[in-house]
């Protein structure tokens, strides 16, 4: 089936476990799933009823995915890949006896939103507008569209002057250090960047990633702990980590009055050059 248009494949995927630790067959399945996902939503039959998919969703079957992937991919390859991708929070897979509903979790972050913004901008702006006016209009459209989606990125970040480009770098850094973000944690990350600042949030992500964190809640607990102890900058965080390392070596922290994300943590040297901010 011919599918119009295109999708965006971010180069940062090369650094993520979902690519680096996948087999050649799984990589082919990954790209195929992205191409099979509905761009604007479609009507399908699912669980015996008509179902309206959202962007990033589609109804399919294992044989259909195999057929789309082409030569060299088996049903077992697809079944294994779907289970792995679900564990990595790349997609959700709801199956029945006859078909399955697949949802690409972060589709709206990397595909629909930006494409929709670009299309809307092209329709509304004329060629004789000045560049400054185009940029201003585009920014307002971003705020309006993402507000409708519940993201509110620009509104959330205005206090710390975090641009959409900066926030995407933070999202990419999180997904490289820890893993895929679901929609709920994406919003929590937005709020924390606005509240604490992009530099200190990236530092907390770095600490969480180095200690094998799997949920954004761990990053948030670090930020709260730092705020409670007067940590406001990356330099403050470095000094605080050294101090806690020393304290943990000299006394037990089992009777702390609040939960510490550093409990049972193995402290390591912190490379600064990997931080985006």
C-alpha atoms as a PDB file:
ATOM      1  CA  UNK A   1       0.000   0.000   0.000  1.00  0.00           C
ATOM      2  CA  UNK A   2       1.461   3.353  -1.044  1.00  0.00           C
ATOM      3  CA  UNK A   3       1.791   5.866   1.791  1.00  0.00           C
ATOM      4  CA  UNK A   4       2.205   9.562   0.995  1.00  0.00           C
ATOM      5  CA  UNK A   5       4.603  11.921   2.698  1.00  0.00           C
ATOM      6  CA  UNK A   6       7.633  11.199   4.818  1.00  0.00           C
ATOM      7  CA  UNK A   7       8.702  10.693   8.435  1.00  0.00           C
ATOM      8  CA  UNK A   8      11.648  12.082  10.375  1.00  0.00           C
ATOM      9  CA  UNK A   9      14.339   9.799  11.720  1.00  0.00           C
ATOM     10  CA  UNK A  10      16.458  11.537  14.353  1.00  0.00           C
ATOM     11  CA  UNK A  11      20.192  10.835  14.183  1.00  0.00           C
ATOM     12  CA  UNK A  12      20.329  10.569  17.976  1.00  0.00           C
ATOM     13  CA  UNK A  13      18.723   7.124  17.637  1.00  0.00           C
ATOM     14  CA  UNK A  14      22.190   5.832  16.729  1.00  0.00           C
ATOM     15  CA  UNK A  15      23.275   6.341  20.341  1.00  0.00           C
ATOM     16  CA  UNK A  16      20.267   4.659  21.938  1.00  0.00           C
ATOM     17  CA  UNK A  17      20.002   1.042  23.139  1.00  0.00           C
ATOM     18  CA  UNK A  18      16.971   0.491  20.906  1.00  0.00           C
ATOM     19  CA  UNK A  19      19.342   0.839  17.936  1.00  0.00           C
ATOM     20  CA  UNK A  20      22.781  -0.080  19.238  1.00  0.00           C
ATOM     21  CA  UNK A  21      21.624  -3.319  20.880  1.00  0.00           C
ATOM     22  CA  UNK A  22      19.131  -4.398  18.217  1.00  0.00           C
ATOM     23  CA  UNK A  23      19.740  -7.014  15.558  1.00  0.00           C
ATOM     24  CA  UNK A  24      19.592  -6.157  11.859  1.00  0.00           C
ATOM     25  CA  UNK A  25      16.113  -7.680  11.684  1.00  0.00           C
ATOM     26  CA  UNK A  26      14.920  -5.623  14.650  1.00  0.00           C
ATOM     27  CA  UNK A  27      16.238  -2.429  13.077  1.00  0.00           C
ATOM     28  CA  UNK A  28      14.340  -3.217   9.886  1.00  0.00           C
ATOM     29  CA  UNK A  29      11.193  -3.868  11.922  1.00  0.00           C
ATOM     30  CA  UNK A  30      11.682  -0.603  13.860  1.00  0.00           C
ATOM     31  CA  UNK A  31      11.826   1.516  10.694  1.00  0.00           C
ATOM     32  CA  UNK A  32       8.924  -0.404   9.148  1.00  0.00           C
ATOM     33  CA  UNK A  33       6.717   0.230  12.180  1.00  0.00           C
ATOM     34  CA  UNK A  34       7.432   3.950  11.950  1.00  0.00           C
ATOM     35  CA  UNK A  35       6.448   3.938   8.275  1.00  0.00           C
ATOM     36  CA  UNK A  36       3.278   1.928   8.980  1.00  0.00           C
ATOM     37  CA  UNK A  37       2.060   4.310  11.700  1.00  0.00           C
ATOM     38  CA  UNK A  38      -0.848   6.574  10.764  1.00  0.00           C
ATOM     39  CA  UNK A  39       0.121  10.207  10.269  1.00  0.00           C
ATOM     40  CA  UNK A  40      -3.303  11.764  10.726  1.00  0.00           C
ATOM     41  CA  UNK A  41      -5.384   8.912  12.117  1.00  0.00           C
ATOM     42  CA  UNK A  42      -7.523   6.398  10.220  1.00  0.00           C
ATOM     43  CA  UNK A  43     -10.552   4.182  10.680  1.00  0.00           C
ATOM     44  CA  UNK A  44      -9.829   0.504  11.337  1.00  0.00           C
ATOM     45  CA  UNK A  45     -11.652  -2.503  12.681  1.00  0.00           C
ATOM     46  CA  UNK A  46     -10.319  -3.492  16.096  1.00  0.00           C
ATOM     47  CA  UNK A  47     -11.907  -5.952  18.530  1.00  0.00           C
ATOM     48  CA  UNK A  48     -14.804  -6.339  16.143  1.00  0.00           C
ATOM     49  CA  UNK A  49     -15.678  -2.640  16.156  1.00  0.00           C
ATOM     50  CA  UNK A  50     -14.765   0.426  14.150  1.00  0.00           C
ATOM     51  CA  UNK A  51     -11.761   2.148  15.734  1.00  0.00           C
ATOM     52  CA  UNK A  52     -10.419   5.636  15.009  1.00  0.00           C
ATOM     53  CA  UNK A  53      -6.661   5.650  15.419  1.00  0.00           C
ATOM     54  CA  UNK A  54      -4.669   8.647  16.535  1.00  0.00           C
ATOM     55  CA  UNK A  55      -1.420   9.812  14.883  1.00  0.00           C
ATOM     56  CA  UNK A  56       1.272   7.245  15.621  1.00  0.00           C
ATOM     57  CA  UNK A  57      -1.207   4.355  15.942  1.00  0.00           C
ATOM     58  CA  UNK A  58      -2.214   1.623  13.524  1.00  0.00           C
ATOM     59  CA  UNK A  59      -4.053  -1.681  13.517  1.00  0.00           C
ATOM     60  CA  UNK A  60      -2.143  -4.565  11.970  1.00  0.00           C
ATOM     61  CA  UNK A  61      -1.131  -8.205  12.423  1.00  0.00           C
ATOM     62  CA  UNK A  62       2.130 -10.110  12.689  1.00  0.00           C
ATOM     63  CA  UNK A  63       1.888 -11.431   9.089  1.00  0.00           C
ATOM     64  CA  UNK A  64       1.179  -7.907   7.819  1.00  0.00           C
ATOM     65  CA  UNK A  65       4.281  -6.521   9.536  1.00  0.00           C
ATOM     66  CA  UNK A  66       6.360  -9.396   8.125  1.00  0.00           C
ATOM     67  CA  UNK A  67       5.046  -8.646   4.629  1.00  0.00           C
ATOM     68  CA  UNK A  68       5.867  -4.942   4.974  1.00  0.00           C
ATOM     69  CA  UNK A  69       9.396  -5.691   6.226  1.00  0.00           C
ATOM     70  CA  UNK A  70      10.163  -7.885   3.228  1.00  0.00           C
ATOM     71  CA  UNK A  71      12.675 -10.664   2.762  1.00  0.00           C
ATOM     72  CA  UNK A  72      14.597 -11.992   5.764  1.00  0.00           C
ATOM     73  CA  UNK A  73      12.118 -11.110   8.535  1.00  0.00           C
ATOM     74  CA  UNK A  74      10.012 -13.830  10.185  1.00  0.00           C
ATOM     75  CA  UNK A  75       6.944 -13.800  12.414  1.00  0.00           C
ATOM     76  CA  UNK A  76       9.148 -14.769  15.343  1.00  0.00           C
ATOM     77  CA  UNK A  77      11.474 -11.846  14.578  1.00  0.00           C
ATOM     78  CA  UNK A  78       8.515  -9.471  14.720  1.00  0.00           C
ATOM     79  CA  UNK A  79       7.073 -10.995  17.889  1.00  0.00           C
ATOM     80  CA  UNK A  80      10.447 -10.724  19.668  1.00  0.00           C
ATOM     81  CA  UNK A  81      11.002  -7.156  18.431  1.00  0.00           C
ATOM     82  CA  UNK A  82       7.571  -5.990  19.596  1.00  0.00           C
ATOM     83  CA  UNK A  83       8.191  -7.351  23.096  1.00  0.00           C
ATOM     84  CA  UNK A  84      11.610  -5.693  23.235  1.00  0.00           C
ATOM     85  CA  UNK A  85      10.373  -2.338  21.910  1.00  0.00           C
ATOM     86  CA  UNK A  86       7.549  -2.384  24.453  1.00  0.00           C
ATOM     87  CA  UNK A  87      10.015  -2.927  27.319  1.00  0.00           C
ATOM     88  CA  UNK A  88      12.038   0.040  26.048  1.00  0.00           C
ATOM     89  CA  UNK A  89       8.887   2.236  26.071  1.00  0.00           C
ATOM     90  CA  UNK A  90       9.072   2.761  22.315  1.00  0.00           C
ATOM     91  CA  UNK A  91       5.573   1.421  21.715  1.00  0.00           C
ATOM     92  CA  UNK A  92       2.549  -0.280  23.241  1.00  0.00           C
ATOM     93  CA  UNK A  93       1.080  -3.433  21.705  1.00  0.00           C
ATOM     94  CA  UNK A  94      -2.516  -4.477  22.385  1.00  0.00           C
ATOM     95  CA  UNK A  95      -3.369  -7.726  20.612  1.00  0.00           C
ATOM     96  CA  UNK A  96      -6.462  -9.826  19.889  1.00  0.00           C
ATOM     97  CA  UNK A  97      -6.837 -13.154  18.111  1.00  0.00           C
ATOM     98  CA  UNK A  98      -7.069 -11.472  14.703  1.00  0.00           C
ATOM     99  CA  UNK A  99      -5.128  -8.221  14.905  1.00  0.00           C
ATOM    100  CA  UNK A 100      -3.239  -5.820  17.170  1.00  0.00           C
ATOM    101  CA  UNK A 101      -3.233  -2.092  17.943  1.00  0.00           C
ATOM    102  CA  UNK A 102       0.277  -0.608  17.993  1.00  0.00           C
ATOM    103  CA  UNK A 103       0.954   2.867  19.389  1.00  0.00           C
ATOM    104  CA  UNK A 104       4.308   4.636  18.904  1.00  0.00           C
ATOM    105  CA  UNK A 105       4.614   6.341  22.296  1.00  0.00           C
ATOM    106  CA  UNK A 106       6.613   9.475  21.425  1.00  0.00           C
ATOM    107  CA  UNK A 107       5.224   9.940  17.916  1.00  0.00           C
ATOM    108  CA  UNK A 108       3.783  13.381  18.689  1.00  0.00           C
ATOM    109  CA  UNK A 109       7.133  14.648  19.985  1.00  0.00           C
ATOM    110  CA  UNK A 110       9.228  13.744  16.962  1.00  0.00           C
ATOM    111  CA  UNK A 111       6.719  13.513  14.130  1.00  0.00           C
ATOM    112  CA  UNK A 112       3.194  14.944  14.173  1.00  0.00           C
ATOM    113  CA  UNK A 113       3.694  18.147  16.153  1.00  0.00           C
ATOM    114  CA  UNK A 114       6.552  19.604  14.157  1.00  0.00           C
ATOM    115  CA  UNK A 115       5.115  18.505  10.813  1.00  0.00           C
ATOM    116  CA  UNK A 116       1.752  20.010  11.729  1.00  0.00           C
ATOM    117  CA  UNK A 117       3.426  23.235  12.818  1.00  0.00           C
ATOM    118  CA  UNK A 118       5.374  23.478   9.562  1.00  0.00           C
ATOM    119  CA  UNK A 119       2.283  22.812   7.447  1.00  0.00           C
ATOM    120  CA  UNK A 120       0.228  25.375   9.347  1.00  0.00           C
ATOM    121  CA  UNK A 121       3.010  27.939   9.084  1.00  0.00           C
ATOM    122  CA  UNK A 122       3.282  27.432   5.322  1.00  0.00           C
ATOM    123  CA  UNK A 123      -0.467  27.908   4.858  1.00  0.00           C
ATOM    124  CA  UNK A 124      -0.741  31.052   6.955  1.00  0.00           C
ATOM    125  CA  UNK A 125       2.377  32.969   5.958  1.00  0.00           C
ATOM    126  CA  UNK A 126       3.000  34.668   2.619  1.00  0.00           C
ATOM    127  CA  UNK A 127       6.314  34.833   0.819  1.00  0.00           C
ATOM    128  CA  UNK A 128       6.690  38.591   1.230  1.00  0.00           C
ATOM    129  CA  UNK A 129       6.732  38.496   5.044  1.00  0.00           C
ATOM    130  CA  UNK A 130       9.988  39.364   6.722  1.00  0.00           C
ATOM    131  CA  UNK A 131      12.030  36.658   8.412  1.00  0.00           C
ATOM    132  CA  UNK A 132      11.486  38.169  11.852  1.00  0.00           C
ATOM    133  CA  UNK A 133       7.715  38.058  11.399  1.00  0.00           C
ATOM    134  CA  UNK A 134       7.859  34.434  10.240  1.00  0.00           C
ATOM    135  CA  UNK A 135       9.828  33.441  13.314  1.00  0.00           C
ATOM    136  CA  UNK A 136       7.457  35.257  15.646  1.00  0.00           C
ATOM    137  CA  UNK A 137       4.359  33.711  14.062  1.00  0.00           C
ATOM    138  CA  UNK A 138       5.917  30.250  14.143  1.00  0.00           C
ATOM    139  CA  UNK A 139       6.653  30.618  17.846  1.00  0.00           C
ATOM    140  CA  UNK A 140       3.053  31.590  18.580  1.00  0.00           C
ATOM    141  CA  UNK A 141       1.787  28.619  16.576  1.00  0.00           C
ATOM    142  CA  UNK A 142       4.046  26.292  18.516  1.00  0.00           C
ATOM    143  CA  UNK A 143       2.544  27.591  21.764  1.00  0.00           C
ATOM    144  CA  UNK A 144      -1.032  27.205  20.534  1.00  0.00           C
ATOM    145  CA  UNK A 145      -0.657  23.766  18.989  1.00  0.00           C
ATOM    146  CA  UNK A 146       1.330  22.238  21.835  1.00  0.00           C
ATOM    147  CA  UNK A 147      -1.011  23.790  24.370  1.00  0.00           C
ATOM    148  CA  UNK A 148      -3.872  21.888  22.736  1.00  0.00           C
ATOM    149  CA  UNK A 149      -1.844  18.699  22.987  1.00  0.00           C
ATOM    150  CA  UNK A 150      -1.212  19.252  26.680  1.00  0.00           C
ATOM    151  CA  UNK A 151       2.493  19.912  26.237  1.00  0.00           C
ATOM    152  CA  UNK A 152       2.628  23.666  26.854  1.00  0.00           C
ATOM    153  CA  UNK A 153       6.356  23.630  26.182  1.00  0.00           C
ATOM    154  CA  UNK A 154       6.914  27.314  25.513  1.00  0.00           C
ATOM    155  CA  UNK A 155       4.588  28.354  28.342  1.00  0.00           C
ATOM    156  CA  UNK A 156       6.330  26.044  30.764  1.00  0.00           C
ATOM    157  CA  UNK A 157       9.801  27.215  29.878  1.00  0.00           C
ATOM    158  CA  UNK A 158       9.355  30.965  29.620  1.00  0.00           C
ATOM    159  CA  UNK A 159      10.807  31.670  33.055  1.00  0.00           C
ATOM    160  CA  UNK A 160      14.131  30.025  32.263  1.00  0.00           C
ATOM    161  CA  UNK A 161      14.171  31.060  28.590  1.00  0.00           C
ATOM    162  CA  UNK A 162      14.347  27.496  27.280  1.00  0.00           C
ATOM    163  CA  UNK A 163      13.687  27.285  23.545  1.00  0.00           C
ATOM    164  CA  UNK A 164      12.039  24.326  21.843  1.00  0.00           C
ATOM    165  CA  UNK A 165      15.433  23.414  20.376  1.00  0.00           C
ATOM    166  CA  UNK A 166      17.017  23.424  23.839  1.00  0.00           C
ATOM    167  CA  UNK A 167      14.215  21.312  25.261  1.00  0.00           C
ATOM    168  CA  UNK A 168      14.603  18.741  22.489  1.00  0.00           C
ATOM    169  CA  UNK A 169      18.296  18.500  23.371  1.00  0.00           C
ATOM    170  CA  UNK A 170      17.313  17.788  26.968  1.00  0.00           C
ATOM    171  CA  UNK A 171      14.810  15.125  25.848  1.00  0.00           C
ATOM    172  CA  UNK A 172      17.452  13.522  23.619  1.00  0.00           C
ATOM    173  CA  UNK A 173      19.967  13.593  26.475  1.00  0.00           C
ATOM    174  CA  UNK A 174      17.477  11.945  28.845  1.00  0.00           C
ATOM    175  CA  UNK A 175      16.634   9.221  26.340  1.00  0.00           C
ATOM    176  CA  UNK A 176      20.321   8.587  25.704  1.00  0.00           C
ATOM    177  CA  UNK A 177      21.199   8.467  29.407  1.00  0.00           C
ATOM    178  CA  UNK A 178      18.109   6.666  30.752  1.00  0.00           C
ATOM    179  CA  UNK A 179      15.551   5.637  28.121  1.00  0.00           C
ATOM    180  CA  UNK A 180      12.359   6.622  26.331  1.00  0.00           C
ATOM    181  CA  UNK A 181      10.027   9.163  27.920  1.00  0.00           C
ATOM    182  CA  UNK A 182       6.313   8.472  28.170  1.00  0.00           C
ATOM    183  CA  UNK A 183       3.822  11.340  27.836  1.00  0.00           C
ATOM    184  CA  UNK A 184       3.394  11.805  31.599  1.00  0.00           C
ATOM    185  CA  UNK A 185       7.113  11.948  32.334  1.00  0.00           C
ATOM    186  CA  UNK A 186       7.582  14.258  29.340  1.00  0.00           C
ATOM    187  CA  UNK A 187       5.314  16.782  31.055  1.00  0.00           C
ATOM    188  CA  UNK A 188       7.096  16.329  34.402  1.00  0.00           C
ATOM    189  CA  UNK A 189      10.412  16.972  32.672  1.00  0.00           C
ATOM    190  CA  UNK A 190       8.976  20.164  31.137  1.00  0.00           C
ATOM    191  CA  UNK A 191       7.838  21.392  34.535  1.00  0.00           C
ATOM    192  CA  UNK A 192      11.174  20.623  36.200  1.00  0.00           C
ATOM    193  CA  UNK A 193      13.146  22.408  33.483  1.00  0.00           C
ATOM    194  CA  UNK A 194      10.981  25.471  34.082  1.00  0.00           C
ATOM    195  CA  UNK A 195      11.283  25.197  37.855  1.00  0.00           C
ATOM    196  CA  UNK A 196      14.962  24.315  38.279  1.00  0.00           C
ATOM    197  CA  UNK A 197      16.640  25.330  35.003  1.00  0.00           C
ATOM    198  CA  UNK A 198      18.064  23.326  32.118  1.00  0.00           C
ATOM    199  CA  UNK A 199      21.613  23.016  33.469  1.00  0.00           C
ATOM    200  CA  UNK A 200      20.709  21.560  36.855  1.00  0.00           C
ATOM    201  CA  UNK A 201      18.108  19.230  35.291  1.00  0.00           C
ATOM    202  CA  UNK A 202      20.703  17.862  32.864  1.00  0.00           C
ATOM    203  CA  UNK A 203      23.059  17.325  35.798  1.00  0.00           C
ATOM    204  CA  UNK A 204      20.355  15.357  37.636  1.00  0.00           C
ATOM    205  CA  UNK A 205      19.680  13.284  34.504  1.00  0.00           C
ATOM    206  CA  UNK A 206      23.393  12.524  34.302  1.00  0.00           C
ATOM    207  CA  UNK A 207      23.460  11.335  37.923  1.00  0.00           C
ATOM    208  CA  UNK A 208      20.339   9.230  37.487  1.00  0.00           C
ATOM    209  CA  UNK A 209      21.667   7.658  34.294  1.00  0.00           C
ATOM    210  CA  UNK A 210      24.991   6.760  35.862  1.00  0.00           C
ATOM    211  CA  UNK A 211      23.125   4.898  38.565  1.00  0.00           C
ATOM    212  CA  UNK A 212      20.973   2.881  36.143  1.00  0.00           C
ATOM    213  CA  UNK A 213      17.732   4.767  36.780  1.00  0.00           C
ATOM    214  CA  UNK A 214      14.825   3.619  34.626  1.00  0.00           C
ATOM    215  CA  UNK A 215      12.126   6.170  35.504  1.00  0.00           C
ATOM    216  CA  UNK A 216      11.957   9.958  35.452  1.00  0.00           C
ATOM    217  CA  UNK A 217      10.781   9.844  39.085  1.00  0.00           C
ATOM    218  CA  UNK A 218      14.406   9.184  40.066  1.00  0.00           C
ATOM    219  CA  UNK A 219      15.546  12.397  38.351  1.00  0.00           C
ATOM    220  CA  UNK A 220      12.805  14.368  40.087  1.00  0.00           C
ATOM    221  CA  UNK A 221      13.774  12.959  43.492  1.00  0.00           C
ATOM    222  CA  UNK A 222      17.363  14.104  42.929  1.00  0.00           C
ATOM    223  CA  UNK A 223      16.181  17.613  42.013  1.00  0.00           C
ATOM    224  CA  UNK A 224      13.991  17.817  45.121  1.00  0.00           C
ATOM    225  CA  UNK A 225      16.831  16.585  47.300  1.00  0.00           C
ATOM    226  CA  UNK A 226      19.176  19.165  45.812  1.00  0.00           C
ATOM    227  CA  UNK A 227      16.638  21.969  46.245  1.00  0.00           C
ATOM    228  CA  UNK A 228      16.127  21.007  49.889  1.00  0.00           C
ATOM    229  CA  UNK A 229      19.878  21.292  50.412  1.00  0.00           C
ATOM    230  CA  UNK A 230      20.451  24.600  48.645  1.00  0.00           C
ATOM    231  CA  UNK A 231      21.820  23.209  45.376  1.00  0.00           C
ATOM    232  CA  UNK A 232      21.087  25.708  42.588  1.00  0.00           C
ATOM    233  CA  UNK A 233      23.890  25.226  40.049  1.00  0.00           C
ATOM    234  CA  UNK A 234      25.900  22.385  38.552  1.00  0.00           C
ATOM    235  CA  UNK A 235      28.863  23.499  40.659  1.00  0.00           C
ATOM    236  CA  UNK A 236      26.704  23.338  43.795  1.00  0.00           C
ATOM    237  CA  UNK A 237      25.650  19.835  42.793  1.00  0.00           C
ATOM    238  CA  UNK A 238      29.254  18.723  42.369  1.00  0.00           C
ATOM    239  CA  UNK A 239      30.219  19.992  45.817  1.00  0.00           C
ATOM    240  CA  UNK A 240      27.101  18.426  47.323  1.00  0.00           C
ATOM    241  CA  UNK A 241      27.873  15.040  45.761  1.00  0.00           C
ATOM    242  CA  UNK A 242      31.397  15.106  47.165  1.00  0.00           C
ATOM    243  CA  UNK A 243      30.074  16.022  50.605  1.00  0.00           C
ATOM    244  CA  UNK A 244      27.494  13.229  50.571  1.00  0.00           C
ATOM    245  CA  UNK A 245      30.098  10.754  49.416  1.00  0.00           C
ATOM    246  CA  UNK A 246      32.206  11.670  52.407  1.00  0.00           C
ATOM    247  CA  UNK A 247      29.240  11.444  54.791  1.00  0.00           C
ATOM    248  CA  UNK A 248      28.181   8.033  53.511  1.00  0.00           C
ATOM    249  CA  UNK A 249      31.654   6.725  54.182  1.00  0.00           C
ATOM    250  CA  UNK A 250      31.494   7.803  57.813  1.00  0.00           C
ATOM    251  CA  UNK A 251      27.982   7.002  58.977  1.00  0.00           C
ATOM    252  CA  UNK A 252      24.877   5.076  58.039  1.00  0.00           C
ATOM    253  CA  UNK A 253      22.095   7.015  56.347  1.00  0.00           C
ATOM    254  CA  UNK A 254      19.319   4.545  57.178  1.00  0.00           C
ATOM    255  CA  UNK A 255      17.635   6.942  59.605  1.00  0.00           C
ATOM    256  CA  UNK A 256      17.324   9.894  57.218  1.00  0.00           C
ATOM    257  CA  UNK A 257      14.126  11.879  57.750  1.00  0.00           C
ATOM    258  CA  UNK A 258      13.498  12.004  53.984  1.00  0.00           C
ATOM    259  CA  UNK A 259      14.128   9.625  51.129  1.00  0.00           C
ATOM    260  CA  UNK A 260      17.510  10.121  49.559  1.00  0.00           C
ATOM    261  CA  UNK A 261      18.037   9.092  45.923  1.00  0.00           C
ATOM    262  CA  UNK A 262      21.691   8.572  46.815  1.00  0.00           C
ATOM    263  CA  UNK A 263      20.937   5.701  49.145  1.00  0.00           C
ATOM    264  CA  UNK A 264      23.058   2.720  48.020  1.00  0.00           C
ATOM    265  CA  UNK A 265      24.589   4.859  45.285  1.00  0.00           C
ATOM    266  CA  UNK A 266      28.078   4.167  44.026  1.00  0.00           C
ATOM    267  CA  UNK A 267      29.662   7.584  43.518  1.00  0.00           C
ATOM    268  CA  UNK A 268      31.837   8.044  40.460  1.00  0.00           C
ATOM    269  CA  UNK A 269      33.786  10.783  38.737  1.00  0.00           C
ATOM    270  CA  UNK A 270      31.351  12.981  36.818  1.00  0.00           C
ATOM    271  CA  UNK A 271      32.392  13.912  33.271  1.00  0.00           C
ATOM    272  CA  UNK A 272      31.037  17.357  32.420  1.00  0.00           C
ATOM    273  CA  UNK A 273      31.687  17.303  28.690  1.00  0.00           C
ATOM    274  CA  UNK A 274      28.717  15.053  27.997  1.00  0.00           C
ATOM    275  CA  UNK A 275      26.164  17.524  29.373  1.00  0.00           C
ATOM    276  CA  UNK A 276      24.217  19.502  26.731  1.00  0.00           C
ATOM    277  CA  UNK A 277      23.984  22.532  29.057  1.00  0.00           C
END
